[in-house]
Amino acid sequence: MRTARVFLLAAALLAISCSHGTTASDPSLLQDFCVADKTSQVRVNGLACKDATDVVVEDFYHSGLHLAGNTTNKQGSAVTPVNVAQIGGLNTLGISLVRIDYVPNGLNPPHTHPRSTEILTIIEGSLLVGFVTSNPENKHFSKVLGKGDVFVFPKGLVHYQFNIGTTDVVAIAALSSQNPGVITIANAVFGSTPSIASGILTKAFQVEKNTVEWMQAQF
C-alpha cells in the first residue's frame, strides 16, 4: 500500500514538472535560421522557410533607416518599419525595428501592438510618451523623454508619443515580434469597414449620433 502511494506521488510530481516545463519554456528555433519564403502558399503561424541552399546574405540585410519618413499627414508623424516584410531573415526570430519621425506637434496616436512589447529610444529631440493599463484601473503612465532616453511600452497596452518641442524628433524602437501588428484606436473604432453601427458607438462613448457620424467621416 505504501509503495502504491509513493508511486502515485512520484507520478504526480513528474506530471507537474512536465507541465511546468511546457508552459514556462520559450519556443526555440530548430535550425540556425528560417528565412521567409514570401512566395510560398503554405499557411503557418509566421512564414514558411526558404530552402537553406537558396539563402543569401541580403536575406539578413536592409538599408534606408537613415532616411526620414514622410510626415506630411494629419498626425505629423511617420513610422518606417523593419520587420519580416523587409528582412526575410527575421522570420521566427521574434524581433523587429521601426524608425519614427515627428514634426513639432507631431503625434503617433494612441495604438496597441497586439503581439509585442516595445522599447523606444530618442535619437534627436524631445517626446511626451505614455501608456494606459488595462481595466479597471486604466492608470496612465507618462514621461517627457530627451535624447538618449529609453522607455518601455508593455505588450498590448494602449500607448502614444507626442512631439512637445519645436524641432523634429527621431526615435528608434525595437519590438519583440517579427510582425508586431498595430491597432490605431481611432482608426479601428471610427474607420472600420464596414462601419460599426452608430448606435453602438453613441452608447459606448456617451455622445450624440451626429458626433459619432462626424468622427467616422474623419476616417
N, C-alpha and C. Protein backbone atom coordinates (compact mmCIF):
# COMPACT_ATOMS: atom_id res chain seq x y z
N MET A 1 0.84 -1.20 0.00
CA MET A 1 0.00 0.00 0.00
C MET A 1 0.87 1.25 0.00
N ARG A 2 1.91 1.23 0.85
CA ARG A 2 2.83 2.37 0.93
C ARG A 2 3.54 2.59 -0.40
N THR A 3 3.93 1.45 -1.03
CA THR A 3 4.61 1.53 -2.33
C THR A 3 3.72 2.19 -3.38
N ALA A 4 2.43 1.85 -3.34
CA ALA A 4 1.49 2.44 -4.29
C ALA A 4 1.37 3.94 -4.09
N ARG A 5 1.33 4.35 -2.80
CA ARG A 5 1.21 5.79 -2.53
C ARG A 5 2.45 6.53 -3.00
N VAL A 6 3.62 5.95 -2.78
CA VAL A 6 4.88 6.57 -3.23
C VAL A 6 4.89 6.70 -4.75
N PHE A 7 4.42 5.64 -5.42
CA PHE A 7 4.37 5.66 -6.89
C PHE A 7 3.45 6.76 -7.40
N LEU A 8 2.27 6.88 -6.77
CA LEU A 8 1.31 7.91 -7.19
C LEU A 8 1.86 9.30 -6.95
N LEU A 9 2.56 9.50 -5.82
CA LEU A 9 3.16 10.80 -5.52
C LEU A 9 4.23 11.15 -6.55
N ALA A 10 5.07 10.16 -6.87
CA ALA A 10 6.12 10.40 -7.86
C ALA A 10 5.53 10.73 -9.22
N ALA A 11 4.46 10.02 -9.59
CA ALA A 11 3.81 10.28 -10.88
C ALA A 11 3.22 11.68 -10.91
N ALA A 12 2.61 12.10 -9.79
CA ALA A 12 2.02 13.44 -9.73
C ALA A 12 3.09 14.50 -9.85
N LEU A 13 4.21 14.30 -9.15
CA LEU A 13 5.30 15.28 -9.22
C LEU A 13 5.88 15.36 -10.63
N LEU A 14 5.99 14.21 -11.28
CA LEU A 14 6.50 14.19 -12.65
C LEU A 14 5.57 14.93 -13.59
N ALA A 15 4.25 14.73 -13.42
CA ALA A 15 3.27 15.42 -14.26
C ALA A 15 3.35 16.91 -14.07
N ILE A 16 3.47 17.36 -12.80
CA ILE A 16 3.58 18.79 -12.53
C ILE A 16 4.84 19.36 -13.15
N SER A 17 5.94 18.62 -13.01
CA SER A 17 7.22 19.07 -13.56
C SER A 17 7.16 19.20 -15.07
N CYS A 18 6.56 18.21 -15.74
CA CYS A 18 6.45 18.26 -17.20
C CYS A 18 5.56 19.40 -17.64
N SER A 19 4.45 19.58 -16.92
CA SER A 19 3.52 20.66 -17.26
C SER A 19 4.19 22.00 -17.10
N HIS A 20 4.94 22.18 -16.00
CA HIS A 20 5.63 23.45 -15.76
C HIS A 20 6.65 23.72 -16.85
N GLY A 21 7.39 22.67 -17.25
CA GLY A 21 8.39 22.86 -18.29
C GLY A 21 7.79 23.25 -19.60
N THR A 22 6.62 22.72 -19.89
CA THR A 22 5.96 23.02 -21.15
C THR A 22 5.48 24.46 -21.19
N THR A 23 4.90 24.94 -20.10
CA THR A 23 4.31 26.28 -20.11
C THR A 23 5.34 27.37 -19.86
N ALA A 24 6.47 27.05 -19.23
CA ALA A 24 7.42 28.09 -18.84
C ALA A 24 8.49 28.32 -19.89
N SER A 25 8.77 27.33 -20.74
CA SER A 25 9.88 27.47 -21.67
C SER A 25 9.45 28.29 -22.89
N ASP A 26 10.42 29.00 -23.47
CA ASP A 26 10.17 29.77 -24.67
C ASP A 26 10.28 28.88 -25.91
N PRO A 27 9.55 29.20 -26.96
CA PRO A 27 9.74 28.47 -28.21
C PRO A 27 11.18 28.66 -28.69
N SER A 28 11.77 27.63 -29.25
CA SER A 28 13.15 27.71 -29.70
C SER A 28 13.25 27.34 -31.17
N LEU A 29 14.22 27.93 -31.83
CA LEU A 29 14.50 27.56 -33.21
C LEU A 29 15.03 26.14 -33.26
N LEU A 30 14.69 25.45 -34.32
CA LEU A 30 15.20 24.10 -34.53
C LEU A 30 16.27 24.07 -35.61
N GLN A 31 16.67 25.24 -36.08
CA GLN A 31 17.75 25.38 -37.04
C GLN A 31 18.36 26.76 -36.85
N ASP A 32 19.44 27.06 -37.57
CA ASP A 32 20.12 28.35 -37.39
C ASP A 32 19.22 29.52 -37.73
N PHE A 33 18.41 29.38 -38.78
CA PHE A 33 17.52 30.44 -39.22
C PHE A 33 16.42 29.86 -40.07
N CYS A 34 15.40 30.67 -40.32
CA CYS A 34 14.27 30.27 -41.18
C CYS A 34 13.89 31.49 -42.00
N VAL A 35 14.69 31.78 -43.01
CA VAL A 35 14.44 32.94 -43.86
C VAL A 35 13.09 32.78 -44.55
N ALA A 36 12.28 33.83 -44.49
CA ALA A 36 10.91 33.76 -45.01
C ALA A 36 10.90 33.52 -46.51
N ASP A 37 10.12 32.54 -46.92
CA ASP A 37 9.84 32.30 -48.33
C ASP A 37 8.52 33.00 -48.65
N LYS A 38 8.60 34.22 -49.15
CA LYS A 38 7.40 35.03 -49.36
C LYS A 38 6.57 34.58 -50.55
N THR A 39 7.09 33.63 -51.32
CA THR A 39 6.33 33.11 -52.45
C THR A 39 5.56 31.85 -52.09
N SER A 40 5.81 31.29 -50.92
CA SER A 40 5.18 30.04 -50.53
C SER A 40 3.69 30.22 -50.26
N GLN A 41 2.90 29.24 -50.66
CA GLN A 41 1.47 29.24 -50.40
C GLN A 41 1.13 28.52 -49.09
N VAL A 42 2.15 28.00 -48.42
CA VAL A 42 1.94 27.32 -47.15
C VAL A 42 1.54 28.33 -46.09
N ARG A 43 0.48 28.03 -45.35
CA ARG A 43 -0.01 28.93 -44.32
C ARG A 43 0.37 28.40 -42.94
N VAL A 44 1.28 29.10 -42.29
CA VAL A 44 1.72 28.73 -40.94
C VAL A 44 1.66 29.98 -40.07
N ASN A 45 1.93 29.82 -38.77
CA ASN A 45 1.97 30.98 -37.87
C ASN A 45 3.31 31.67 -38.05
N GLY A 46 3.37 32.52 -39.05
CA GLY A 46 4.62 33.12 -39.50
C GLY A 46 4.72 32.87 -40.99
N LEU A 47 5.90 32.65 -41.49
CA LEU A 47 6.10 32.38 -42.91
C LEU A 47 6.93 31.11 -43.07
N ALA A 48 6.66 30.40 -44.15
CA ALA A 48 7.42 29.18 -44.43
C ALA A 48 8.88 29.51 -44.67
N CYS A 49 9.74 28.52 -44.45
CA CYS A 49 11.19 28.73 -44.60
C CYS A 49 11.62 28.57 -46.06
N LYS A 50 12.49 29.44 -46.46
CA LYS A 50 13.17 29.28 -47.75
C LYS A 50 14.15 28.11 -47.64
N ASP A 51 14.38 27.42 -48.74
CA ASP A 51 15.40 26.37 -48.76
C ASP A 51 16.75 26.98 -48.36
N ALA A 52 17.41 26.37 -47.41
CA ALA A 52 18.67 26.93 -46.88
C ALA A 52 19.71 27.13 -47.96
N THR A 53 19.66 26.31 -49.01
CA THR A 53 20.65 26.47 -50.08
C THR A 53 20.38 27.70 -50.94
N ASP A 54 19.17 28.29 -50.81
CA ASP A 54 18.84 29.49 -51.58
C ASP A 54 19.03 30.78 -50.77
N VAL A 55 19.43 30.65 -49.51
CA VAL A 55 19.60 31.82 -48.65
C VAL A 55 20.86 32.57 -49.03
N VAL A 56 20.74 33.92 -49.09
CA VAL A 56 21.88 34.78 -49.41
C VAL A 56 22.01 35.84 -48.32
N VAL A 57 23.12 36.52 -48.29
CA VAL A 57 23.40 37.49 -47.24
C VAL A 57 22.36 38.61 -47.21
N GLU A 58 21.81 38.96 -48.38
CA GLU A 58 20.81 40.02 -48.43
C GLU A 58 19.53 39.67 -47.68
N ASP A 59 19.31 38.39 -47.38
CA ASP A 59 18.14 37.99 -46.61
C ASP A 59 18.21 38.48 -45.16
N PHE A 60 19.40 38.95 -44.73
CA PHE A 60 19.59 39.43 -43.37
C PHE A 60 19.92 40.92 -43.33
N TYR A 61 19.62 41.62 -44.42
CA TYR A 61 20.09 43.00 -44.58
C TYR A 61 18.96 43.90 -45.09
N HIS A 62 18.98 45.15 -44.60
CA HIS A 62 18.07 46.18 -45.11
C HIS A 62 18.75 47.54 -44.97
N SER A 63 18.57 48.39 -45.93
CA SER A 63 19.15 49.74 -45.89
C SER A 63 18.05 50.78 -46.01
N GLY A 64 18.26 51.94 -45.40
CA GLY A 64 17.32 53.05 -45.58
C GLY A 64 16.81 53.66 -44.29
N LEU A 65 17.19 53.10 -43.14
CA LEU A 65 16.66 53.62 -41.89
C LEU A 65 17.25 54.99 -41.54
N HIS A 66 18.27 55.41 -42.28
CA HIS A 66 18.82 56.75 -42.07
C HIS A 66 17.96 57.83 -42.71
N LEU A 67 17.00 57.42 -43.52
CA LEU A 67 16.14 58.37 -44.22
C LEU A 67 14.89 58.68 -43.41
N ALA A 68 14.53 59.96 -43.34
CA ALA A 68 13.32 60.36 -42.61
C ALA A 68 12.07 59.90 -43.34
N GLY A 69 11.05 59.52 -42.57
CA GLY A 69 9.78 59.15 -43.15
C GLY A 69 8.99 60.38 -43.58
N ASN A 70 7.94 60.17 -44.34
CA ASN A 70 7.10 61.26 -44.85
C ASN A 70 6.09 61.67 -43.78
N THR A 71 6.30 62.82 -43.16
CA THR A 71 5.44 63.29 -42.08
C THR A 71 4.37 64.27 -42.55
N THR A 72 4.16 64.38 -43.85
CA THR A 72 3.14 65.30 -44.37
C THR A 72 1.78 64.61 -44.33
N ASN A 73 1.26 64.44 -43.13
CA ASN A 73 -0.04 63.82 -42.93
C ASN A 73 -0.72 64.48 -41.74
N LYS A 74 -1.95 64.11 -41.44
CA LYS A 74 -2.71 64.75 -40.38
C LYS A 74 -2.05 64.63 -39.01
N GLN A 75 -1.33 63.54 -38.79
CA GLN A 75 -0.72 63.32 -37.48
C GLN A 75 0.65 63.95 -37.34
N GLY A 76 1.32 64.23 -38.46
CA GLY A 76 2.65 64.81 -38.39
C GLY A 76 3.71 63.84 -37.90
N SER A 77 3.51 62.57 -38.20
CA SER A 77 4.49 61.55 -37.81
C SER A 77 4.56 60.49 -38.90
N ALA A 78 5.63 59.71 -38.87
CA ALA A 78 5.79 58.63 -39.85
C ALA A 78 6.56 57.49 -39.21
N VAL A 79 6.05 56.28 -39.40
CA VAL A 79 6.71 55.07 -38.89
C VAL A 79 7.31 54.32 -40.07
N THR A 80 8.61 54.06 -40.00
CA THR A 80 9.30 53.28 -41.02
C THR A 80 9.67 51.93 -40.43
N PRO A 81 8.98 50.86 -40.85
CA PRO A 81 9.21 49.56 -40.22
C PRO A 81 10.37 48.79 -40.82
N VAL A 82 11.01 47.98 -39.99
CA VAL A 82 11.96 46.98 -40.46
C VAL A 82 11.56 45.69 -39.76
N ASN A 83 10.61 44.98 -40.37
CA ASN A 83 10.15 43.72 -39.81
C ASN A 83 10.36 42.61 -40.84
N VAL A 84 9.68 41.50 -40.69
CA VAL A 84 9.92 40.37 -41.58
C VAL A 84 9.57 40.69 -43.02
N ALA A 85 8.73 41.69 -43.25
CA ALA A 85 8.40 42.08 -44.62
C ALA A 85 9.60 42.71 -45.31
N GLN A 86 10.48 43.36 -44.53
CA GLN A 86 11.67 43.99 -45.11
C GLN A 86 12.89 43.07 -45.03
N ILE A 87 13.01 42.29 -43.96
CA ILE A 87 14.16 41.39 -43.79
C ILE A 87 13.62 39.98 -43.56
N GLY A 88 13.67 39.16 -44.61
CA GLY A 88 13.15 37.80 -44.50
C GLY A 88 13.82 36.98 -43.42
N GLY A 89 15.09 37.31 -43.11
CA GLY A 89 15.84 36.59 -42.10
C GLY A 89 15.31 36.77 -40.69
N LEU A 90 14.39 37.73 -40.48
CA LEU A 90 13.79 37.91 -39.16
C LEU A 90 12.74 36.85 -38.85
N ASN A 91 12.33 36.10 -39.86
CA ASN A 91 11.29 35.09 -39.66
C ASN A 91 11.68 34.13 -38.54
N THR A 92 10.79 33.97 -37.57
CA THR A 92 10.92 33.11 -36.37
C THR A 92 11.85 33.67 -35.30
N LEU A 93 12.47 34.83 -35.53
CA LEU A 93 13.44 35.35 -34.55
C LEU A 93 12.80 36.22 -33.47
N GLY A 94 11.54 36.64 -33.67
CA GLY A 94 10.82 37.33 -32.62
C GLY A 94 11.30 38.74 -32.30
N ILE A 95 11.75 39.47 -33.32
CA ILE A 95 12.22 40.84 -33.09
C ILE A 95 12.06 41.65 -34.37
N SER A 96 11.86 42.95 -34.22
CA SER A 96 11.82 43.86 -35.36
C SER A 96 12.15 45.26 -34.87
N LEU A 97 12.13 46.22 -35.80
CA LEU A 97 12.61 47.57 -35.51
C LEU A 97 11.76 48.56 -36.29
N VAL A 98 11.61 49.77 -35.75
CA VAL A 98 10.99 50.86 -36.50
C VAL A 98 11.76 52.15 -36.25
N ARG A 99 11.71 53.02 -37.23
CA ARG A 99 12.13 54.41 -37.06
C ARG A 99 10.86 55.24 -37.05
N ILE A 100 10.78 56.21 -36.13
CA ILE A 100 9.60 57.09 -36.07
C ILE A 100 10.08 58.54 -36.15
N ASP A 101 9.49 59.29 -37.08
CA ASP A 101 9.79 60.71 -37.24
C ASP A 101 8.57 61.53 -36.85
N TYR A 102 8.82 62.67 -36.19
CA TYR A 102 7.74 63.55 -35.74
C TYR A 102 8.14 64.99 -36.03
N VAL A 103 7.25 65.74 -36.66
CA VAL A 103 7.45 67.19 -36.76
C VAL A 103 6.98 67.81 -35.44
N PRO A 104 7.27 69.10 -35.18
CA PRO A 104 6.72 69.74 -33.98
C PRO A 104 5.20 69.55 -33.89
N ASN A 105 4.72 69.15 -32.73
CA ASN A 105 3.31 68.80 -32.51
C ASN A 105 2.90 67.52 -33.23
N GLY A 106 3.86 66.78 -33.74
CA GLY A 106 3.56 65.51 -34.38
C GLY A 106 3.19 64.45 -33.35
N LEU A 107 2.23 63.63 -33.72
CA LEU A 107 1.69 62.62 -32.80
C LEU A 107 1.72 61.25 -33.44
N ASN A 108 2.21 60.26 -32.69
CA ASN A 108 1.97 58.87 -33.02
C ASN A 108 0.78 58.48 -32.15
N PRO A 109 -0.44 58.44 -32.72
CA PRO A 109 -1.66 58.43 -31.92
C PRO A 109 -1.82 57.15 -31.09
N PRO A 110 -2.72 57.19 -30.10
CA PRO A 110 -2.93 56.01 -29.25
C PRO A 110 -3.17 54.75 -30.07
N HIS A 111 -2.37 53.72 -29.76
CA HIS A 111 -2.43 52.47 -30.50
C HIS A 111 -1.92 51.33 -29.63
N THR A 112 -2.06 50.13 -30.11
CA THR A 112 -1.51 48.96 -29.42
C THR A 112 -0.76 48.09 -30.42
N HIS A 113 0.15 47.29 -29.87
CA HIS A 113 0.80 46.23 -30.65
C HIS A 113 0.34 44.90 -30.04
N PRO A 114 -0.56 44.19 -30.71
CA PRO A 114 -1.14 43.00 -30.09
C PRO A 114 -0.16 41.87 -29.85
N ARG A 115 0.97 41.89 -30.55
CA ARG A 115 1.91 40.77 -30.43
C ARG A 115 3.27 41.18 -29.89
N SER A 116 3.38 42.38 -29.29
CA SER A 116 4.73 42.85 -28.99
C SER A 116 4.81 43.86 -27.86
N THR A 117 5.88 43.74 -27.06
CA THR A 117 6.35 44.81 -26.20
C THR A 117 7.25 45.71 -27.05
N GLU A 118 7.30 46.99 -26.70
CA GLU A 118 8.11 47.96 -27.46
C GLU A 118 9.07 48.67 -26.52
N ILE A 119 10.32 48.84 -26.95
CA ILE A 119 11.29 49.64 -26.21
C ILE A 119 11.80 50.73 -27.14
N LEU A 120 11.62 51.98 -26.74
CA LEU A 120 11.86 53.13 -27.61
C LEU A 120 12.98 53.99 -27.04
N THR A 121 13.84 54.50 -27.92
CA THR A 121 14.88 55.43 -27.51
C THR A 121 14.89 56.66 -28.42
N ILE A 122 15.14 57.81 -27.83
CA ILE A 122 15.13 59.07 -28.58
C ILE A 122 16.52 59.33 -29.17
N ILE A 123 16.57 59.55 -30.46
CA ILE A 123 17.83 59.87 -31.14
C ILE A 123 18.04 61.37 -31.19
N GLU A 124 16.97 62.12 -31.50
CA GLU A 124 17.03 63.57 -31.54
C GLU A 124 15.70 64.14 -31.06
N GLY A 125 15.76 65.21 -30.24
CA GLY A 125 14.55 65.91 -29.86
C GLY A 125 13.99 65.48 -28.51
N SER A 126 12.72 65.80 -28.30
CA SER A 126 12.05 65.55 -27.02
C SER A 126 10.62 65.09 -27.27
N LEU A 127 10.20 64.05 -26.55
CA LEU A 127 8.88 63.47 -26.73
C LEU A 127 8.16 63.32 -25.40
N LEU A 128 6.85 63.56 -25.42
CA LEU A 128 5.98 63.14 -24.33
C LEU A 128 5.42 61.78 -24.72
N VAL A 129 5.63 60.77 -23.85
CA VAL A 129 5.16 59.43 -24.14
C VAL A 129 4.31 58.93 -22.99
N GLY A 130 3.47 57.95 -23.27
CA GLY A 130 2.68 57.38 -22.19
C GLY A 130 1.95 56.13 -22.61
N PHE A 131 1.49 55.37 -21.61
CA PHE A 131 0.64 54.22 -21.86
C PHE A 131 -0.39 54.11 -20.73
N VAL A 132 -1.45 53.35 -21.00
CA VAL A 132 -2.55 53.20 -20.04
C VAL A 132 -2.71 51.71 -19.74
N THR A 133 -2.85 51.39 -18.45
CA THR A 133 -3.02 49.99 -18.07
C THR A 133 -4.44 49.52 -18.38
N SER A 134 -4.66 48.22 -18.25
CA SER A 134 -5.94 47.62 -18.59
C SER A 134 -7.01 47.91 -17.53
N ASN A 135 -8.26 47.61 -17.88
CA ASN A 135 -9.38 47.79 -16.96
C ASN A 135 -9.18 46.91 -15.72
N PRO A 136 -9.68 47.33 -14.57
CA PRO A 136 -10.48 48.54 -14.35
C PRO A 136 -9.66 49.75 -13.95
N GLU A 137 -8.34 49.59 -13.71
CA GLU A 137 -7.56 50.72 -13.20
C GLU A 137 -7.39 51.82 -14.24
N ASN A 138 -7.04 51.43 -15.51
CA ASN A 138 -6.77 52.43 -16.55
C ASN A 138 -5.80 53.50 -16.07
N LYS A 139 -4.74 53.08 -15.41
CA LYS A 139 -3.74 54.02 -14.89
C LYS A 139 -2.86 54.53 -16.02
N HIS A 140 -2.65 55.83 -16.05
CA HIS A 140 -1.89 56.48 -17.11
C HIS A 140 -0.47 56.75 -16.63
N PHE A 141 0.53 56.14 -17.29
CA PHE A 141 1.94 56.41 -17.02
C PHE A 141 2.47 57.28 -18.15
N SER A 142 3.04 58.44 -17.84
CA SER A 142 3.57 59.31 -18.89
C SER A 142 4.87 59.95 -18.44
N LYS A 143 5.71 60.32 -19.42
CA LYS A 143 7.00 60.93 -19.11
C LYS A 143 7.52 61.68 -20.33
N VAL A 144 8.24 62.76 -20.06
CA VAL A 144 8.92 63.50 -21.13
C VAL A 144 10.31 62.92 -21.30
N LEU A 145 10.64 62.55 -22.54
CA LEU A 145 11.93 61.94 -22.84
C LEU A 145 12.79 62.90 -23.66
N GLY A 146 14.09 62.86 -23.40
CA GLY A 146 15.05 63.61 -24.19
C GLY A 146 16.01 62.69 -24.91
N LYS A 147 16.94 63.26 -25.62
CA LYS A 147 17.90 62.50 -26.41
C LYS A 147 18.62 61.46 -25.56
N GLY A 148 18.60 60.22 -26.03
CA GLY A 148 19.26 59.14 -25.31
C GLY A 148 18.41 58.43 -24.28
N ASP A 149 17.22 58.98 -23.98
CA ASP A 149 16.33 58.33 -23.00
C ASP A 149 15.63 57.13 -23.63
N VAL A 150 15.28 56.19 -22.76
CA VAL A 150 14.65 54.94 -23.20
C VAL A 150 13.36 54.73 -22.41
N PHE A 151 12.32 54.21 -23.09
CA PHE A 151 11.04 53.97 -22.43
C PHE A 151 10.44 52.68 -22.97
N VAL A 152 9.75 51.95 -22.09
CA VAL A 152 9.15 50.67 -22.47
C VAL A 152 7.62 50.78 -22.47
N PHE A 153 7.00 50.24 -23.53
CA PHE A 153 5.54 50.12 -23.61
C PHE A 153 5.19 48.63 -23.53
N PRO A 154 4.55 48.19 -22.45
CA PRO A 154 4.25 46.77 -22.30
C PRO A 154 3.32 46.25 -23.40
N LYS A 155 3.47 45.00 -23.70
CA LYS A 155 2.72 44.32 -24.77
C LYS A 155 1.21 44.53 -24.64
N GLY A 156 0.60 44.95 -25.74
CA GLY A 156 -0.85 45.03 -25.83
C GLY A 156 -1.48 46.26 -25.21
N LEU A 157 -0.72 47.11 -24.48
CA LEU A 157 -1.32 48.27 -23.83
C LEU A 157 -1.37 49.47 -24.78
N VAL A 158 -2.41 50.27 -24.62
CA VAL A 158 -2.57 51.48 -25.43
C VAL A 158 -1.47 52.47 -25.06
N HIS A 159 -0.78 53.01 -26.08
CA HIS A 159 0.30 53.96 -25.82
C HIS A 159 0.39 54.98 -26.96
N TYR A 160 1.19 56.01 -26.75
CA TYR A 160 1.29 57.11 -27.71
C TYR A 160 2.62 57.82 -27.52
N GLN A 161 2.98 58.68 -28.51
CA GLN A 161 4.12 59.60 -28.40
C GLN A 161 3.73 60.93 -29.05
N PHE A 162 4.16 62.03 -28.42
CA PHE A 162 3.81 63.37 -28.92
C PHE A 162 5.03 64.28 -28.84
N ASN A 163 5.33 64.95 -29.96
CA ASN A 163 6.47 65.87 -30.01
C ASN A 163 6.08 67.20 -29.38
N ILE A 164 6.58 67.45 -28.17
CA ILE A 164 6.25 68.68 -27.45
C ILE A 164 7.25 69.80 -27.74
N GLY A 165 8.28 69.52 -28.54
CA GLY A 165 9.31 70.50 -28.80
C GLY A 165 9.06 71.33 -30.04
N THR A 166 10.06 72.10 -30.40
CA THR A 166 9.97 73.00 -31.57
C THR A 166 10.80 72.51 -32.74
N THR A 167 11.43 71.35 -32.57
CA THR A 167 12.25 70.78 -33.64
C THR A 167 11.77 69.35 -33.94
N ASP A 168 12.18 68.84 -35.08
CA ASP A 168 11.82 67.47 -35.44
C ASP A 168 12.42 66.48 -34.45
N VAL A 169 11.74 65.35 -34.29
CA VAL A 169 12.20 64.28 -33.39
C VAL A 169 12.40 63.00 -34.20
N VAL A 170 13.46 62.28 -33.86
CA VAL A 170 13.70 60.95 -34.42
C VAL A 170 13.82 59.97 -33.27
N ALA A 171 13.09 58.86 -33.37
CA ALA A 171 13.17 57.80 -32.37
C ALA A 171 13.33 56.46 -33.07
N ILE A 172 13.98 55.53 -32.37
CA ILE A 172 14.10 54.15 -32.83
C ILE A 172 13.46 53.25 -31.79
N ALA A 173 12.66 52.30 -32.24
CA ALA A 173 12.01 51.38 -31.31
C ALA A 173 12.24 49.94 -31.76
N ALA A 174 12.53 49.08 -30.79
CA ALA A 174 12.62 47.64 -31.03
C ALA A 174 11.36 46.98 -30.49
N LEU A 175 10.90 45.94 -31.17
CA LEU A 175 9.66 45.26 -30.79
C LEU A 175 9.90 43.75 -30.73
N SER A 176 9.24 43.11 -29.78
CA SER A 176 9.51 41.70 -29.51
C SER A 176 8.68 40.75 -30.38
N SER A 177 8.59 41.07 -31.66
CA SER A 177 7.90 40.22 -32.62
C SER A 177 8.43 40.52 -34.01
N GLN A 178 8.49 39.51 -34.86
CA GLN A 178 8.87 39.75 -36.25
C GLN A 178 7.79 40.50 -36.99
N ASN A 179 6.56 40.48 -36.45
CA ASN A 179 5.42 41.14 -37.08
C ASN A 179 4.48 41.61 -35.96
N PRO A 180 4.83 42.71 -35.28
CA PRO A 180 4.12 43.10 -34.05
C PRO A 180 2.67 43.51 -34.26
N GLY A 181 2.33 43.96 -35.46
CA GLY A 181 0.98 44.45 -35.69
C GLY A 181 0.75 45.78 -35.00
N VAL A 182 -0.21 46.54 -35.51
CA VAL A 182 -0.56 47.81 -34.87
C VAL A 182 -2.06 48.03 -35.03
N ILE A 183 -2.71 48.41 -33.94
CA ILE A 183 -4.13 48.76 -33.95
C ILE A 183 -4.23 50.20 -33.46
N THR A 184 -4.45 51.13 -34.39
CA THR A 184 -4.65 52.53 -34.02
C THR A 184 -6.10 52.68 -33.56
N ILE A 185 -6.28 53.13 -32.32
CA ILE A 185 -7.59 53.07 -31.69
C ILE A 185 -8.65 53.82 -32.49
N ALA A 186 -8.37 55.07 -32.86
CA ALA A 186 -9.36 55.87 -33.59
C ALA A 186 -9.71 55.24 -34.93
N ASN A 187 -8.70 54.76 -35.65
CA ASN A 187 -8.95 54.13 -36.95
C ASN A 187 -9.80 52.88 -36.81
N ALA A 188 -9.49 52.07 -35.79
CA ALA A 188 -10.23 50.82 -35.61
C ALA A 188 -11.68 51.08 -35.22
N VAL A 189 -11.91 52.08 -34.35
CA VAL A 189 -13.26 52.33 -33.84
C VAL A 189 -14.11 53.12 -34.84
N PHE A 190 -13.52 54.18 -35.41
CA PHE A 190 -14.30 55.07 -36.27
C PHE A 190 -14.06 54.85 -37.77
N GLY A 191 -13.04 54.08 -38.11
CA GLY A 191 -12.72 53.90 -39.52
C GLY A 191 -12.82 52.47 -40.01
N SER A 192 -13.53 51.62 -39.26
CA SER A 192 -13.64 50.22 -39.66
C SER A 192 -14.47 50.08 -40.93
N THR A 193 -14.27 48.98 -41.65
CA THR A 193 -15.03 48.69 -42.87
C THR A 193 -15.61 47.29 -42.77
N PRO A 194 -16.96 47.14 -42.78
CA PRO A 194 -17.95 48.22 -42.72
C PRO A 194 -17.95 48.90 -41.36
N SER A 195 -18.59 50.05 -41.28
CA SER A 195 -18.59 50.85 -40.06
C SER A 195 -19.30 50.13 -38.92
N ILE A 196 -18.83 50.40 -37.70
CA ILE A 196 -19.56 49.96 -36.52
C ILE A 196 -20.84 50.80 -36.43
N ALA A 197 -21.96 50.18 -36.12
CA ALA A 197 -23.23 50.89 -36.06
C ALA A 197 -23.14 52.09 -35.13
N SER A 198 -23.67 53.23 -35.58
CA SER A 198 -23.58 54.46 -34.79
C SER A 198 -24.25 54.31 -33.43
N GLY A 199 -25.31 53.51 -33.36
CA GLY A 199 -25.97 53.30 -32.08
C GLY A 199 -25.06 52.66 -31.05
N ILE A 200 -24.20 51.77 -31.50
CA ILE A 200 -23.23 51.14 -30.59
C ILE A 200 -22.22 52.16 -30.09
N LEU A 201 -21.73 52.99 -31.01
CA LEU A 201 -20.72 53.98 -30.63
C LEU A 201 -21.29 55.11 -29.79
N THR A 202 -22.53 55.51 -30.04
CA THR A 202 -23.13 56.57 -29.21
C THR A 202 -23.26 56.09 -27.77
N LYS A 203 -23.62 54.82 -27.61
CA LYS A 203 -23.76 54.28 -26.25
C LYS A 203 -22.40 54.07 -25.60
N ALA A 204 -21.43 53.60 -26.38
CA ALA A 204 -20.09 53.34 -25.84
C ALA A 204 -19.39 54.61 -25.39
N PHE A 205 -19.55 55.70 -26.18
CA PHE A 205 -18.84 56.94 -25.88
C PHE A 205 -19.73 57.99 -25.21
N GLN A 206 -21.02 57.67 -25.06
CA GLN A 206 -21.96 58.58 -24.42
C GLN A 206 -21.98 59.94 -25.10
N VAL A 207 -22.12 59.93 -26.43
CA VAL A 207 -22.20 61.15 -27.22
C VAL A 207 -23.39 61.04 -28.17
N GLU A 208 -23.71 62.15 -28.85
CA GLU A 208 -24.82 62.17 -29.79
C GLU A 208 -24.44 61.48 -31.10
N LYS A 209 -25.46 61.03 -31.82
CA LYS A 209 -25.23 60.33 -33.08
C LYS A 209 -24.48 61.18 -34.08
N ASN A 210 -24.79 62.48 -34.15
CA ASN A 210 -24.12 63.34 -35.13
C ASN A 210 -22.62 63.47 -34.83
N THR A 211 -22.26 63.38 -33.54
CA THR A 211 -20.84 63.42 -33.17
C THR A 211 -20.14 62.17 -33.68
N VAL A 212 -20.76 61.02 -33.50
CA VAL A 212 -20.19 59.77 -33.99
C VAL A 212 -20.05 59.81 -35.51
N GLU A 213 -21.07 60.27 -36.20
CA GLU A 213 -21.01 60.32 -37.65
C GLU A 213 -19.94 61.28 -38.13
N TRP A 214 -19.74 62.40 -37.41
CA TRP A 214 -18.67 63.33 -37.76
C TRP A 214 -17.31 62.66 -37.57
N MET A 215 -17.16 61.93 -36.47
CA MET A 215 -15.90 61.23 -36.22
C MET A 215 -15.64 60.19 -37.30
N GLN A 216 -16.66 59.45 -37.67
CA GLN A 216 -16.49 58.44 -38.72
C GLN A 216 -16.09 59.06 -40.05
N ALA A 217 -16.59 60.24 -40.31
CA ALA A 217 -16.27 60.93 -41.56
C ALA A 217 -14.81 61.33 -41.65
N GLN A 218 -14.12 61.44 -40.49
CA GLN A 218 -12.72 61.82 -40.49
C GLN A 218 -11.81 60.68 -40.97
N PHE A 219 -12.37 59.46 -40.97
CA PHE A 219 -11.57 58.31 -41.31
C PHE A 219 -12.09 57.59 -42.55
